[in-house]
Amino acid sequence: IIHVGFDAIAGGAAAQDDALHKLDYALYRMRNIYAQVSLGVGRVEHYVIDAADAGGFDDLGSEGEADDLIAAWSVPNSGVDAFVVRNISSSGFVGKASDIPGECDKEAKDDGVVAGEIGRGYEGFARTFSHEVGHHLGLSHNHGGDPDCPGTTAGCNNLMAQTRCATSCGGGTRAAVLLTSGQGSTMRSHCSV
């Protein structure tokens, strides 16, 4: 997990501690979500990009900026580069995967996910984090593009339904975490698993 601009979170030390608790909760939720399909989450390393070094990427205003952040930074390990930013000021997205599926060769520094903004609520952030890592592991949305949503409540409650579908036709972000066995097979076949 790459923390981007957490040092600039308004509210000082208490707000920064809350951000770390939110990350812990997101990992806890992701482990439980992925356990449905017998997939574990291994060791997690934390890296920090201070706001001064982030070059403005701690507050993303577009999906293009998210792509630029992913292309500009990487960490020296074999894990998924999951960026968590201080803020996403665009209303057009809540997270972003560079590719579906993501690559395992990090030499090009152009692959990873923006796993969300730390300023979102606990449940919304945890779901977005798990959803974007799901994209990296090969899962696409389980429905058509805008403005379509799945035609069933079960489809809207799938982890890979877009957030707007989870909130409009499903049980909300806490309930929209289901995975199918086929999705589990896809994820387990990814090179990073």
Foldseek 3Di string as FASTA:
>chain_A
DEEEALCVQPDPPVVSVVLVVLVVLLQVVLQVLLVVQPDGDDDDDYHYDHNVRQPPLLEAADVVSVQVSQQPDDDPDQDAPEYEHQYHPHPPDFKAFQAQQFDRDCPRSRGHMPQGYSPDDSLVSSLSNSQRVLRNLHDAAPWDDPPDFDPAQLSLLDSRTDQVSCVPRYDHSNRSRHDDNVSSVSSVPGPSD
